[in-house]
């Protein structure tokens, strides 16, 4: 009978920890998402600028 009580307490502790973790996740203040930094080869504006530079005639000739 003593073993059953110990197992019950352990299972109850695991259950309480699980509920606490879910409540923490649900009620925690939301952090604003940081704007991800794009590498130049992933940035559409940078790539459009390169395409425009390539299409302009060179003045060095």
C-alpha atoms as a PDB file:
ATOM      1  CA  UNK A   1       0.000   0.000   0.000  1.00  0.00           C
ATOM      2  CA  UNK A   2       2.907   2.310   0.737  1.00  0.00           C
ATOM      3  CA  UNK A   3       4.264   1.878  -2.804  1.00  0.00           C
ATOM      4  CA  UNK A   4       0.929   2.846  -4.331  1.00  0.00           C
ATOM      5  CA  UNK A   5       0.893   6.074  -2.324  1.00  0.00           C
ATOM      6  CA  UNK A   6       4.440   6.921  -3.413  1.00  0.00           C
ATOM      7  CA  UNK A   7       3.599   6.310  -7.078  1.00  0.00           C
ATOM      8  CA  UNK A   8       0.452   8.393  -6.712  1.00  0.00           C
ATOM      9  CA  UNK A   9       2.437  11.299  -5.282  1.00  0.00           C
ATOM     10  CA  UNK A  10       5.026  11.062  -8.069  1.00  0.00           C
ATOM     11  CA  UNK A  11       2.328  10.993 -10.750  1.00  0.00           C
ATOM     12  CA  UNK A  12       0.548  13.927  -9.101  1.00  0.00           C
ATOM     13  CA  UNK A  13       3.818  15.901  -9.019  1.00  0.00           C
ATOM     14  CA  UNK A  14       4.412  15.195 -12.715  1.00  0.00           C
ATOM     15  CA  UNK A  15       0.848  16.259 -13.514  1.00  0.00           C
ATOM     16  CA  UNK A  16       1.151  19.490 -11.528  1.00  0.00           C
ATOM     17  CA  UNK A  17       4.468  20.270 -13.236  1.00  0.00           C
ATOM     18  CA  UNK A  18       2.896  19.659 -16.645  1.00  0.00           C
ATOM     19  CA  UNK A  19      -0.090  21.898 -15.911  1.00  0.00           C
ATOM     20  CA  UNK A  20       2.226  24.588 -14.535  1.00  0.00           C
ATOM     21  CA  UNK A  21       4.348  24.445 -17.697  1.00  0.00           C
ATOM     22  CA  UNK A  22       1.275  24.761 -19.921  1.00  0.00           C
ATOM     23  CA  UNK A  23      -0.044  27.700 -17.893  1.00  0.00           C
ATOM     24  CA  UNK A  24       3.366  29.374 -17.988  1.00  0.00           C
ATOM     25  CA  UNK A  25       3.477  29.039 -21.780  1.00  0.00           C
ATOM     26  CA  UNK A  26      -0.105  30.236 -22.219  1.00  0.00           C
ATOM     27  CA  UNK A  27       0.002  33.188 -19.827  1.00  0.00           C
ATOM     28  CA  UNK A  28       3.575  34.424 -20.292  1.00  0.00           C
ATOM     29  CA  UNK A  29       3.851  37.905 -21.798  1.00  0.00           C
ATOM     30  CA  UNK A  30       4.477  37.764 -25.517  1.00  0.00           C
ATOM     31  CA  UNK A  31       7.829  39.040 -26.673  1.00  0.00           C
ATOM     32  CA  UNK A  32       7.853  40.986 -29.925  1.00  0.00           C
ATOM     33  CA  UNK A  33       9.436  39.029 -32.708  1.00  0.00           C
ATOM     34  CA  UNK A  34      12.747  40.450 -33.806  1.00  0.00           C
ATOM     35  CA  UNK A  35      12.855  41.325 -37.471  1.00  0.00           C
ATOM     36  CA  UNK A  36      15.056  38.781 -39.121  1.00  0.00           C
ATOM     37  CA  UNK A  37      18.082  40.117 -40.916  1.00  0.00           C
ATOM     38  CA  UNK A  38      18.361  39.009 -44.501  1.00  0.00           C
ATOM     39  CA  UNK A  39      21.665  38.260 -46.088  1.00  0.00           C
ATOM     40  CA  UNK A  40      22.255  40.314 -49.263  1.00  0.00           C
ATOM     41  CA  UNK A  41      21.680  37.321 -51.501  1.00  0.00           C
ATOM     42  CA  UNK A  42      18.264  36.731 -49.853  1.00  0.00           C
ATOM     43  CA  UNK A  43      17.103  40.361 -49.886  1.00  0.00           C
ATOM     44  CA  UNK A  44      14.778  41.029 -52.843  1.00  0.00           C
ATOM     45  CA  UNK A  45      15.479  44.786 -52.812  1.00  0.00           C
ATOM     46  CA  UNK A  46      19.233  44.190 -53.011  1.00  0.00           C
ATOM     47  CA  UNK A  47      18.800  41.738 -55.868  1.00  0.00           C
ATOM     48  CA  UNK A  48      16.536  44.154 -57.777  1.00  0.00           C
ATOM     49  CA  UNK A  49      19.208  46.842 -57.363  1.00  0.00           C
ATOM     50  CA  UNK A  50      21.859  44.537 -58.793  1.00  0.00           C
ATOM     51  CA  UNK A  51      19.659  43.714 -61.751  1.00  0.00           C
ATOM     52  CA  UNK A  52      19.118  47.433 -62.431  1.00  0.00           C
ATOM     53  CA  UNK A  53      22.861  48.152 -62.218  1.00  0.00           C
ATOM     54  CA  UNK A  54      23.630  45.345 -64.647  1.00  0.00           C
ATOM     55  CA  UNK A  55      21.142  46.661 -67.236  1.00  0.00           C
ATOM     56  CA  UNK A  56      22.514  50.245 -67.226  1.00  0.00           C
ATOM     57  CA  UNK A  57      25.213  50.937 -69.842  1.00  0.00           C
ATOM     58  CA  UNK A  58      28.710  51.549 -68.525  1.00  0.00           C
ATOM     59  CA  UNK A  59      30.083  55.085 -68.910  1.00  0.00           C
ATOM     60  CA  UNK A  60      33.723  53.903 -68.745  1.00  0.00           C
ATOM     61  CA  UNK A  61      34.071  52.782 -72.401  1.00  0.00           C
END
